[in-house]
Amino acid sequence: AFGMQNDVTPIVLLSLISIPGMLLMWTNIPKHHEHHAAKDERNSLGQ
């Protein structure tokens, strides 16, 4: 199905497990303005 024997096909299919990690980081890592707001708040607390 991939133009090759089944020797490395499972490794190719395994790449699909990366999708949840990409989505989690995209949705939970702060956006640019959120990151700077949090940074300013930490600085105001004495860091």
All heavy atoms as atom14 arrays in JSON, in Angstrom:
{
  "sequence": "AFGMQNDVTPIVLLSLISIPGMLLMWTNIPKHHEHHAAKDERNSLGQ",
  "atom14_mask": [
    [1, 1, 1, 1, 1, 0, 0, 0, 0, 0, 0, 0, 0, 0],
    [1, 1, 1, 1, 1, 1, 1, 1, 1, 1, 1, 0, 0, 0],
    [1, 1, 1, 1, 0, 0, 0, 0, 0, 0, 0, 0, 0, 0],
    [1, 1, 1, 1, 1, 1, 1, 1, 0, 0, 0, 0, 0, 0],
    [1, 1, 1, 1, 1, 1, 1, 1, 1, 0, 0, 0, 0, 0],
    [1, 1, 1, 1, 1, 1, 1, 1, 0, 0, 0, 0, 0, 0],
    [1, 1, 1, 1, 1, 1, 1, 1, 0, 0, 0, 0, 0, 0],
    [1, 1, 1, 1, 1, 1, 1, 0, 0, 0, 0, 0, 0, 0],
    [1, 1, 1, 1, 1, 1, 1, 0, 0, 0, 0, 0, 0, 0],
    [1, 1, 1, 1, 1, 1, 1, 0, 0, 0, 0, 0, 0, 0],
    [1, 1, 1, 1, 1, 1, 1, 1, 0, 0, 0, 0, 0, 0],
    [1, 1, 1, 1, 1, 1, 1, 0, 0, 0, 0, 0, 0, 0],
    [1, 1, 1, 1, 1, 1, 1, 1, 0, 0, 0, 0, 0, 0],
    [1, 1, 1, 1, 1, 1, 1, 1, 0, 0, 0, 0, 0, 0],
    [1, 1, 1, 1, 1, 1, 0, 0, 0, 0, 0, 0, 0, 0],
    [1, 1, 1, 1, 1, 1, 1, 1, 0, 0, 0, 0, 0, 0],
    [1, 1, 1, 1, 1, 1, 1, 1, 0, 0, 0, 0, 0, 0],
    [1, 1, 1, 1, 1, 1, 0, 0, 0, 0, 0, 0, 0, 0],
    [1, 1, 1, 1, 1, 1, 1, 1, 0, 0, 0, 0, 0, 0],
    [1, 1, 1, 1, 1, 1, 1, 0, 0, 0, 0, 0, 0, 0],
    [1, 1, 1, 1, 0, 0, 0, 0, 0, 0, 0, 0, 0, 0],
    [1, 1, 1, 1, 1, 1, 1, 1, 0, 0, 0, 0, 0, 0],
    [1, 1, 1, 1, 1, 1, 1, 1, 0, 0, 0, 0, 0, 0],
    [1, 1, 1, 1, 1, 1, 1, 1, 0, 0, 0, 0, 0, 0],
    [1, 1, 1, 1, 1, 1, 1, 1, 0, 0, 0, 0, 0, 0],
    [1, 1, 1, 1, 1, 1, 1, 1, 1, 1, 1, 1, 1, 1],
    [1, 1, 1, 1, 1, 1, 1, 0, 0, 0, 0, 0, 0, 0],
    [1, 1, 1, 1, 1, 1, 1, 1, 0, 0, 0, 0, 0, 0],
    [1, 1, 1, 1, 1, 1, 1, 1, 0, 0, 0, 0, 0, 0],
    [1, 1, 1, 1, 1, 1, 1, 0, 0, 0, 0, 0, 0, 0],
    [1, 1, 1, 1, 1, 1, 1, 1, 1, 0, 0, 0, 0, 0],
    [1, 1, 1, 1, 1, 1, 1, 1, 1, 1, 0, 0, 0, 0],
    [1, 1, 1, 1, 1, 1, 1, 1, 1, 1, 0, 0, 0, 0],
    [1, 1, 1, 1, 1, 1, 1, 1, 1, 0, 0, 0, 0, 0],
    [1, 1, 1, 1, 1, 1, 1, 1, 1, 1, 0, 0, 0, 0],
    [1, 1, 1, 1, 1, 1, 1, 1, 1, 1, 0, 0, 0, 0],
    [1, 1, 1, 1, 1, 0, 0, 0, 0, 0, 0, 0, 0, 0],
    [1, 1, 1, 1, 1, 0, 0, 0, 0, 0, 0, 0, 0, 0],
    [1, 1, 1, 1, 1, 1, 1, 1, 1, 0, 0, 0, 0, 0],
    [1, 1, 1, 1, 1, 1, 1, 1, 0, 0, 0, 0, 0, 0],
    [1, 1, 1, 1, 1, 1, 1, 1, 1, 0, 0, 0, 0, 0],
    [1, 1, 1, 1, 1, 1, 1, 1, 1, 1, 1, 0, 0, 0],
    [1, 1, 1, 1, 1, 1, 1, 1, 0, 0, 0, 0, 0, 0],
    [1, 1, 1, 1, 1, 1, 0, 0, 0, 0, 0, 0, 0, 0],
    [1, 1, 1, 1, 1, 1, 1, 1, 0, 0, 0, 0, 0, 0],
    [1, 1, 1, 1, 0, 0, 0, 0, 0, 0, 0, 0, 0, 0],
    [1, 1, 1, 1, 1, 1, 1, 1, 1, 0, 0, 0, 0, 0]
  ],
  "atom14_positions": [
    [[0.82, -1.21, 0.0], [0.0, 0.0, 0.0], [0.85, 1.26, 0.0], [0.43, 2.31, -0.45], [-0.92, 0.01, 1.23], [0.0, 0.0, 0.0], [0.0, 0.0, 0.0], [0.0, 0.0, 0.0], [0.0, 0.0, 0.0], [0.0, 0.0, 0.0], [0.0, 0.0, 0.0], [0.0, 0.0, 0.0], [0.0, 0.0, 0.0], [0.0, 0.0, 0.0]],
    [[2.08, 1.16, 0.52], [2.96, 2.32, 0.55], [4.05, 2.21, -0.52], [5.0, 2.97, -0.52], [3.64, 2.46, 1.92], [2.69, 2.92, 2.98], [2.03, 2.0, 3.75], [2.45, 4.27, 3.17], [1.15, 2.42, 4.74], [1.58, 4.69, 4.16], [0.92, 3.76, 4.93], [0.0, 0.0, 0.0], [0.0, 0.0, 0.0], [0.0, 0.0, 0.0]],
    [[3.9, 1.27, -1.44], [4.92, 1.08, -2.45], [6.1, 0.29, -1.94], [7.15, 0.29, -2.55], [0.0, 0.0, 0.0], [0.0, 0.0, 0.0], [0.0, 0.0, 0.0], [0.0, 0.0, 0.0], [0.0, 0.0, 0.0], [0.0, 0.0, 0.0], [0.0, 0.0, 0.0], [0.0, 0.0, 0.0], [0.0, 0.0, 0.0], [0.0, 0.0, 0.0]],
    [[5.93, -0.38, -0.79], [7.03, -1.15, -0.25], [6.48, -2.33, 0.55], [5.3, -2.4, 0.83], [7.9, -0.28, 0.66], [7.14, 0.42, 1.75], [8.15, 1.68, 2.56], [6.9, 2.5, 3.53], [0.0, 0.0, 0.0], [0.0, 0.0, 0.0], [0.0, 0.0, 0.0], [0.0, 0.0, 0.0], [0.0, 0.0, 0.0], [0.0, 0.0, 0.0]],
    [[7.38, -3.27, 0.87], [7.0, -4.42, 1.67], [6.63, -3.94, 3.07], [6.83, -2.77, 3.38], [8.18, -5.4, 1.7], [7.89, -6.79, 2.23], [7.18, -7.67, 1.23], [6.16, -7.3, 0.71], [7.71, -8.85, 0.95], [0.0, 0.0, 0.0], [0.0, 0.0, 0.0], [0.0, 0.0, 0.0], [0.0, 0.0, 0.0], [0.0, 0.0, 0.0]],
    [[6.11, -4.82, 3.92], [5.64, -4.39, 5.23], [6.76, -4.2, 6.23], [6.51, -4.1, 7.42], [4.61, -5.39, 5.78], [5.25, -6.75, 6.06], [6.37, -7.03, 5.63], [4.53, -7.58, 6.78], [0.0, 0.0, 0.0], [0.0, 0.0, 0.0], [0.0, 0.0, 0.0], [0.0, 0.0, 0.0], [0.0, 0.0, 0.0], [0.0, 0.0, 0.0]],
    [[8.0, -4.13, 5.78], [9.13, -4.03, 6.7], [9.13, -2.75, 7.52], [9.39, -2.76, 8.72], [10.46, -4.17, 5.94], [10.59, -3.21, 4.78], [9.57, -2.88, 4.15], [11.7, -2.78, 4.49], [0.0, 0.0, 0.0], [0.0, 0.0, 0.0], [0.0, 0.0, 0.0], [0.0, 0.0, 0.0], [0.0, 0.0, 0.0], [0.0, 0.0, 0.0]],
    [[8.88, -1.59, 6.9], [8.89, -0.33, 7.65], [7.53, 0.37, 7.66], [7.4, 1.46, 8.21], [9.96, 0.64, 7.09], [11.34, 0.09, 7.32], [9.71, 0.94, 5.62], [0.0, 0.0, 0.0], [0.0, 0.0, 0.0], [0.0, 0.0, 0.0], [0.0, 0.0, 0.0], [0.0, 0.0, 0.0], [0.0, 0.0, 0.0], [0.0, 0.0, 0.0]],
    [[6.51, -0.25, 7.08], [5.17, 0.36, 7.07], [4.66, 0.69, 8.47], [4.08, 1.77, 8.67], [4.17, -0.56, 6.35], [4.61, -0.76, 5.01], [2.78, 0.04, 6.34], [0.0, 0.0, 0.0], [0.0, 0.0, 0.0], [0.0, 0.0, 0.0], [0.0, 0.0, 0.0], [0.0, 0.0, 0.0], [0.0, 0.0, 0.0], [0.0, 0.0, 0.0]],
    [[4.85, -0.18, 9.49], [4.37, 0.2, 10.84], [5.02, 1.47, 11.37], [4.38, 2.24, 12.09], [4.75, -1.02, 11.7], [4.82, -2.15, 10.73], [5.36, -1.56, 9.47], [0.0, 0.0, 0.0], [0.0, 0.0, 0.0], [0.0, 0.0, 0.0], [0.0, 0.0, 0.0], [0.0, 0.0, 0.0], [0.0, 0.0, 0.0], [0.0, 0.0, 0.0]],
    [[6.29, 1.71, 11.04], [6.96, 2.92, 11.48], [6.31, 4.14, 10.82], [6.14, 5.2, 11.44], [8.46, 2.86, 11.15], [9.12, 1.62, 11.79], [9.16, 4.13, 11.62], [9.12, 1.63, 13.28], [0.0, 0.0, 0.0], [0.0, 0.0, 0.0], [0.0, 0.0, 0.0], [0.0, 0.0, 0.0], [0.0, 0.0, 0.0], [0.0, 0.0, 0.0]],
    [[5.95, 4.0, 9.53], [5.3, 5.1, 8.82], [3.94, 5.41, 9.46], [3.59, 6.58, 9.7], [5.15, 4.76, 7.33], [4.36, 5.83, 6.6], [6.52, 4.58, 6.68], [0.0, 0.0, 0.0], [0.0, 0.0, 0.0], [0.0, 0.0, 0.0], [0.0, 0.0, 0.0], [0.0, 0.0, 0.0], [0.0, 0.0, 0.0], [0.0, 0.0, 0.0]],
    [[3.16, 4.37, 9.73], [1.84, 4.58, 10.33], [1.93, 5.19, 11.72], [1.04, 5.92, 12.16], [1.09, 3.24, 10.4], [0.68, 2.64, 9.05], [0.09, 1.25, 9.25], [-0.34, 3.54, 8.35], [0.0, 0.0, 0.0], [0.0, 0.0, 0.0], [0.0, 0.0, 0.0], [0.0, 0.0, 0.0], [0.0, 0.0, 0.0], [0.0, 0.0, 0.0]],
    [[3.02, 4.91, 12.42], [3.19, 5.41, 13.78], [3.24, 6.93, 13.84], [2.98, 7.53, 14.89], [4.47, 4.82, 14.39], [4.67, 4.98, 15.9], [3.64, 4.15, 16.66], [6.08, 4.58, 16.29], [0.0, 0.0, 0.0], [0.0, 0.0, 0.0], [0.0, 0.0, 0.0], [0.0, 0.0, 0.0], [0.0, 0.0, 0.0], [0.0, 0.0, 0.0]],
    [[3.57, 7.57, 12.73], [3.66, 9.03, 12.71], [2.34, 9.7, 13.09], [2.33, 10.86, 13.54], [4.11, 9.51, 11.34], [3.15, 9.19, 10.35], [0.0, 0.0, 0.0], [0.0, 0.0, 0.0], [0.0, 0.0, 0.0], [0.0, 0.0, 0.0], [0.0, 0.0, 0.0], [0.0, 0.0, 0.0], [0.0, 0.0, 0.0], [0.0, 0.0, 0.0]],
    [[1.22, 8.99, 12.96], [-0.08, 9.56, 13.3], [-0.22, 9.89, 14.78], [-1.05, 10.72, 15.16], [-1.2, 8.61, 12.87], [-1.31, 8.33, 11.36], [-2.38, 7.29, 11.09], [-1.61, 9.62, 10.6], [0.0, 0.0, 0.0], [0.0, 0.0, 0.0], [0.0, 0.0, 0.0], [0.0, 0.0, 0.0], [0.0, 0.0, 0.0], [0.0, 0.0, 0.0]],
    [[0.6, 9.25, 15.63], [0.47, 9.51, 17.07], [0.96, 10.91, 17.44], [0.74, 11.35, 18.57], [1.22, 8.46, 17.92], [2.73, 8.63, 17.76], [0.77, 7.05, 17.57], [3.53, 7.82, 18.76], [0.0, 0.0, 0.0], [0.0, 0.0, 0.0], [0.0, 0.0, 0.0], [0.0, 0.0, 0.0], [0.0, 0.0, 0.0], [0.0, 0.0, 0.0]],
    [[1.6, 11.6, 16.49], [2.08, 12.94, 16.79], [0.97, 13.99, 16.77], [1.15, 15.11, 17.28], [3.17, 13.34, 15.81], [2.66, 13.42, 14.49], [0.0, 0.0, 0.0], [0.0, 0.0, 0.0], [0.0, 0.0, 0.0], [0.0, 0.0, 0.0], [0.0, 0.0, 0.0], [0.0, 0.0, 0.0], [0.0, 0.0, 0.0], [0.0, 0.0, 0.0]],
    [[-0.18, 13.68, 16.19], [-1.24, 14.68, 16.02], [-1.76, 15.22, 17.36], [-1.91, 16.44, 17.51], [-2.38, 14.1, 15.15], [-1.87, 13.85, 13.73], [-3.58, 15.05, 15.13], [-2.85, 13.15, 12.83], [0.0, 0.0, 0.0], [0.0, 0.0, 0.0], [0.0, 0.0, 0.0], [0.0, 0.0, 0.0], [0.0, 0.0, 0.0], [0.0, 0.0, 0.0]],
    [[-2.06, 14.37, 18.36], [-2.55, 14.94, 19.64], [-1.56, 15.91, 20.28], [-1.98, 16.95, 20.81], [-2.76, 13.7, 20.51], [-3.0, 12.59, 19.54], [-2.13, 12.89, 18.37], [0.0, 0.0, 0.0], [0.0, 0.0, 0.0], [0.0, 0.0, 0.0], [0.0, 0.0, 0.0], [0.0, 0.0, 0.0], [0.0, 0.0, 0.0], [0.0, 0.0, 0.0]],
    [[-0.27, 15.6, 20.25], [0.72, 16.5, 20.84], [0.73, 17.86, 20.15], [0.84, 18.91, 20.81], [0.0, 0.0, 0.0], [0.0, 0.0, 0.0], [0.0, 0.0, 0.0], [0.0, 0.0, 0.0], [0.0, 0.0, 0.0], [0.0, 0.0, 0.0], [0.0, 0.0, 0.0], [0.0, 0.0, 0.0], [0.0, 0.0, 0.0], [0.0, 0.0, 0.0]],
    [[0.63, 17.87, 18.82], [0.59, 19.14, 18.09], [-0.62, 19.97, 18.51], [-0.52, 21.18, 18.76], [0.52, 18.88, 16.59], [1.7, 18.14, 16.0], [1.37, 17.77, 14.24], [2.52, 16.41, 13.99], [0.0, 0.0, 0.0], [0.0, 0.0, 0.0], [0.0, 0.0, 0.0], [0.0, 0.0, 0.0], [0.0, 0.0, 0.0], [0.0, 0.0, 0.0]],
    [[-1.78, 19.32, 18.58], [-3.0, 20.03, 18.93], [-2.97, 20.57, 20.35], [-3.42, 21.69, 20.62], [-4.21, 19.12, 18.74], [-4.52, 18.7, 17.29], [-5.67, 17.7, 17.27], [-4.83, 19.92, 16.43], [0.0, 0.0, 0.0], [0.0, 0.0, 0.0], [0.0, 0.0, 0.0], [0.0, 0.0, 0.0], [0.0, 0.0, 0.0], [0.0, 0.0, 0.0]],
    [[-2.45, 19.78, 21.28], [-2.38, 20.22, 22.67], [-1.49, 21.46, 22.82], [-1.85, 22.41, 23.52], [-1.84, 19.09, 23.56], [-2.85, 17.99, 23.91], [-2.13, 16.82, 24.58], [-3.95, 18.53, 24.81], [0.0, 0.0, 0.0], [0.0, 0.0, 0.0], [0.0, 0.0, 0.0], [0.0, 0.0, 0.0], [0.0, 0.0, 0.0], [0.0, 0.0, 0.0]],
    [[-0.34, 21.46, 22.17], [0.54, 22.62, 22.27], [-0.08, 23.84, 21.58], [0.03, 24.96, 22.08], [1.92, 22.29, 21.69], [2.73, 21.36, 22.59], [4.46, 21.21, 22.08], [4.27, 20.33, 20.55], [0.0, 0.0, 0.0], [0.0, 0.0, 0.0], [0.0, 0.0, 0.0], [0.0, 0.0, 0.0], [0.0, 0.0, 0.0], [0.0, 0.0, 0.0]],
    [[-0.72, 23.62, 20.46], [-1.33, 24.75, 19.75], [-2.45, 25.41, 20.56], [-2.62, 26.62, 20.53], [-1.87, 24.27, 18.4], [-2.5, 25.37, 17.59], [-3.82, 25.64, 17.42], [-1.79, 26.38, 16.85], [-4.0, 26.73, 16.62], [-2.77, 27.21, 16.25], [-0.45, 26.66, 16.63], [-2.44, 28.3, 15.45], [-0.11, 27.74, 15.83], [-1.1, 28.55, 15.25]],
    [[-3.18, 24.61, 21.31], [-4.33, 25.15, 22.05], [-3.98, 25.64, 23.45], [-4.71, 26.46, 24.01], [-5.45, 24.09, 22.16], [-4.93, 22.9, 22.76], [-6.01, 23.75, 20.8], [0.0, 0.0, 0.0], [0.0, 0.0, 0.0], [0.0, 0.0, 0.0], [0.0, 0.0, 0.0], [0.0, 0.0, 0.0], [0.0, 0.0, 0.0], [0.0, 0.0, 0.0]],
    [[-2.86, 25.18, 24.04], [-2.56, 25.53, 25.43], [-1.36, 26.43, 25.64], [-1.28, 27.1, 26.68], [-2.38, 24.24, 26.25], [-3.69, 23.5, 26.46], [-4.61, 24.01, 27.1], [-3.78, 22.3, 25.9], [0.0, 0.0, 0.0], [0.0, 0.0, 0.0], [0.0, 0.0, 0.0], [0.0, 0.0, 0.0], [0.0, 0.0, 0.0], [0.0, 0.0, 0.0]],
    [[-0.41, 26.46, 24.72], [0.7, 27.4, 24.85], [0.16, 28.81, 24.64], [-0.61, 29.05, 23.7], [1.83, 27.08, 23.85], [2.5, 25.76, 24.23], [2.87, 28.2, 23.81], [3.59, 25.32, 23.28], [0.0, 0.0, 0.0], [0.0, 0.0, 0.0], [0.0, 0.0, 0.0], [0.0, 0.0, 0.0], [0.0, 0.0, 0.0], [0.0, 0.0, 0.0]],
    [[0.5, 29.76, 25.5], [-0.08, 31.11, 25.39], [0.22, 31.78, 24.05], [1.29, 31.57, 23.47], [0.59, 31.88, 26.53], [1.07, 30.84, 27.48], [1.41, 29.65, 26.65], [0.0, 0.0, 0.0], [0.0, 0.0, 0.0], [0.0, 0.0, 0.0], [0.0, 0.0, 0.0], [0.0, 0.0, 0.0], [0.0, 0.0, 0.0], [0.0, 0.0, 0.0]],
    [[-0.73, 32.58, 23.6], [-0.48, 33.41, 22.44], [0.5, 34.53, 22.81], [0.82, 34.73, 23.98], [-1.8, 34.01, 21.93], [-2.8, 32.97, 21.46], [-4.1, 33.62, 21.01], [-5.12, 32.57, 20.59], [-6.42, 33.2, 20.19], [0.0, 0.0, 0.0], [0.0, 0.0, 0.0], [0.0, 0.0, 0.0], [0.0, 0.0, 0.0], [0.0, 0.0, 0.0]],
    [[0.93, 35.26, 21.79], [1.97, 36.28, 21.99], [1.58, 37.27, 23.09], [2.35, 37.51, 24.03], [2.2, 37.02, 20.66], [3.25, 38.08, 20.73], [4.59, 37.82, 20.55], [3.16, 39.42, 20.99], [5.28, 38.93, 20.68], [4.45, 39.92, 20.94], [0.0, 0.0, 0.0], [0.0, 0.0, 0.0], [0.0, 0.0, 0.0], [0.0, 0.0, 0.0]],
    [[0.38, 37.85, 23.01], [0.0, 38.87, 23.98], [-0.23, 38.27, 25.36], [0.05, 38.9, 26.39], [-1.26, 39.62, 23.51], [-2.5, 38.77, 23.48], [-2.8, 37.91, 22.44], [-3.53, 38.66, 24.38], [-3.95, 37.31, 22.69], [-4.41, 37.75, 23.85], [0.0, 0.0, 0.0], [0.0, 0.0, 0.0], [0.0, 0.0, 0.0], [0.0, 0.0, 0.0]],
    [[-0.71, 37.01, 25.43], [-0.91, 36.35, 26.72], [0.43, 36.08, 27.39], [0.58, 36.22, 28.61], [-1.68, 35.05, 26.52], [-3.1, 35.24, 26.02], [-3.76, 33.92, 25.64], [-3.03, 32.96, 25.29], [-5.0, 33.87, 25.68], [0.0, 0.0, 0.0], [0.0, 0.0, 0.0], [0.0, 0.0, 0.0], [0.0, 0.0, 0.0], [0.0, 0.0, 0.0]],
    [[1.4, 35.67, 26.59], [2.74, 35.39, 27.12], [3.35, 36.64, 27.73], [3.9, 36.61, 28.84], [3.63, 34.86, 26.0], [5.08, 34.75, 26.36], [5.56, 33.82, 27.26], [6.16, 35.48, 25.95], [6.87, 33.96, 27.38], [7.26, 34.96, 26.6], [0.0, 0.0, 0.0], [0.0, 0.0, 0.0], [0.0, 0.0, 0.0], [0.0, 0.0, 0.0]],
    [[3.23, 37.79, 27.04], [3.82, 39.01, 27.55], [3.06, 39.55, 28.76], [3.69, 40.13, 29.67], [3.9, 40.06, 26.43], [5.06, 39.86, 25.51], [6.33, 40.27, 25.83], [5.15, 39.24, 24.31], [7.16, 39.94, 24.85], [6.48, 39.3, 23.92], [0.0, 0.0, 0.0], [0.0, 0.0, 0.0], [0.0, 0.0, 0.0], [0.0, 0.0, 0.0]],
    [[1.77, 39.34, 28.79], [1.01, 39.77, 29.96], [1.44, 38.98, 31.2], [1.62, 39.55, 32.29], [-0.49, 39.58, 29.7], [0.0, 0.0, 0.0], [0.0, 0.0, 0.0], [0.0, 0.0, 0.0], [0.0, 0.0, 0.0], [0.0, 0.0, 0.0], [0.0, 0.0, 0.0], [0.0, 0.0, 0.0], [0.0, 0.0, 0.0], [0.0, 0.0, 0.0]],
    [[1.61, 37.66, 31.04], [2.06, 36.83, 32.17], [3.48, 37.2, 32.59], [3.81, 37.22, 33.78], [1.99, 35.35, 31.78], [0.0, 0.0, 0.0], [0.0, 0.0, 0.0], [0.0, 0.0, 0.0], [0.0, 0.0, 0.0], [0.0, 0.0, 0.0], [0.0, 0.0, 0.0], [0.0, 0.0, 0.0], [0.0, 0.0, 0.0], [0.0, 0.0, 0.0]],
    [[4.32, 37.52, 31.62], [5.7, 37.9, 31.91], [5.74, 39.21, 32.7], [6.49, 39.35, 33.68], [6.47, 38.03, 30.6], [7.98, 38.12, 30.77], [8.65, 38.07, 29.39], [10.16, 38.11, 29.52], [10.83, 38.03, 28.2], [0.0, 0.0, 0.0], [0.0, 0.0, 0.0], [0.0, 0.0, 0.0], [0.0, 0.0, 0.0], [0.0, 0.0, 0.0]],
    [[4.93, 40.18, 32.29], [4.86, 41.45, 33.0], [4.37, 41.26, 34.43], [4.84, 41.92, 35.37], [3.96, 42.43, 32.26], [4.55, 42.89, 30.93], [5.78, 42.75, 30.75], [3.77, 43.38, 30.08], [0.0, 0.0, 0.0], [0.0, 0.0, 0.0], [0.0, 0.0, 0.0], [0.0, 0.0, 0.0], [0.0, 0.0, 0.0], [0.0, 0.0, 0.0]],
    [[3.41, 40.33, 34.6], [2.89, 40.08, 35.94], [3.95, 39.48, 36.85], [4.1, 39.87, 38.01], [1.68, 39.13, 35.86], [1.07, 38.82, 37.21], [-0.1, 37.85, 37.1], [-0.48, 37.5, 35.96], [-0.62, 37.44, 38.15], [0.0, 0.0, 0.0], [0.0, 0.0, 0.0], [0.0, 0.0, 0.0], [0.0, 0.0, 0.0], [0.0, 0.0, 0.0]],
    [[4.75, 38.53, 36.31], [5.82, 37.95, 37.11], [6.86, 39.01, 37.47], [7.37, 39.04, 38.59], [6.48, 36.8, 36.34], [5.64, 35.54, 36.28], [6.46, 34.37, 35.76], [6.97, 34.62, 34.41], [6.3, 34.31, 33.3], [5.09, 33.77, 33.39], [6.82, 34.55, 32.11], [0.0, 0.0, 0.0], [0.0, 0.0, 0.0], [0.0, 0.0, 0.0]],
    [[7.19, 39.88, 36.52], [8.17, 40.93, 36.8], [7.68, 41.88, 37.88], [8.44, 42.35, 38.73], [8.49, 41.71, 35.52], [9.26, 40.88, 34.52], [9.87, 39.88, 34.88], [9.25, 41.3, 33.26], [0.0, 0.0, 0.0], [0.0, 0.0, 0.0], [0.0, 0.0, 0.0], [0.0, 0.0, 0.0], [0.0, 0.0, 0.0], [0.0, 0.0, 0.0]],
    [[6.37, 42.17, 37.87], [5.8, 43.07, 38.87], [5.82, 42.47, 40.27], [5.78, 43.18, 41.27], [4.36, 43.44, 38.5], [3.5, 42.33, 38.65], [0.0, 0.0, 0.0], [0.0, 0.0, 0.0], [0.0, 0.0, 0.0], [0.0, 0.0, 0.0], [0.0, 0.0, 0.0], [0.0, 0.0, 0.0], [0.0, 0.0, 0.0], [0.0, 0.0, 0.0]],
    [[5.91, 41.12, 40.33], [5.95, 40.44, 41.63], [7.36, 40.28, 42.16], [7.58, 39.62, 43.17], [5.28, 39.07, 41.51], [3.78, 39.09, 41.22], [3.25, 37.68, 41.01], [3.03, 39.78, 42.36], [0.0, 0.0, 0.0], [0.0, 0.0, 0.0], [0.0, 0.0, 0.0], [0.0, 0.0, 0.0], [0.0, 0.0, 0.0], [0.0, 0.0, 0.0]],
    [[8.34, 40.82, 41.41], [9.68, 40.86, 41.98], [10.7, 39.98, 41.34], [11.83, 39.89, 41.81], [0.0, 0.0, 0.0], [0.0, 0.0, 0.0], [0.0, 0.0, 0.0], [0.0, 0.0, 0.0], [0.0, 0.0, 0.0], [0.0, 0.0, 0.0], [0.0, 0.0, 0.0], [0.0, 0.0, 0.0], [0.0, 0.0, 0.0], [0.0, 0.0, 0.0]],
    [[10.37, 39.28, 40.23], [11.36, 38.4, 39.63], [12.5, 39.17, 38.98], [13.53, 38.62, 38.67], [10.7, 37.48, 38.6], [9.88, 36.39, 39.24], [9.55, 35.28, 38.24], [9.86, 35.36, 37.07], [8.91, 34.24, 38.73], [0.0, 0.0, 0.0], [0.0, 0.0, 0.0], [0.0, 0.0, 0.0], [0.0, 0.0, 0.0], [0.0, 0.0, 0.0]]
  ]
}
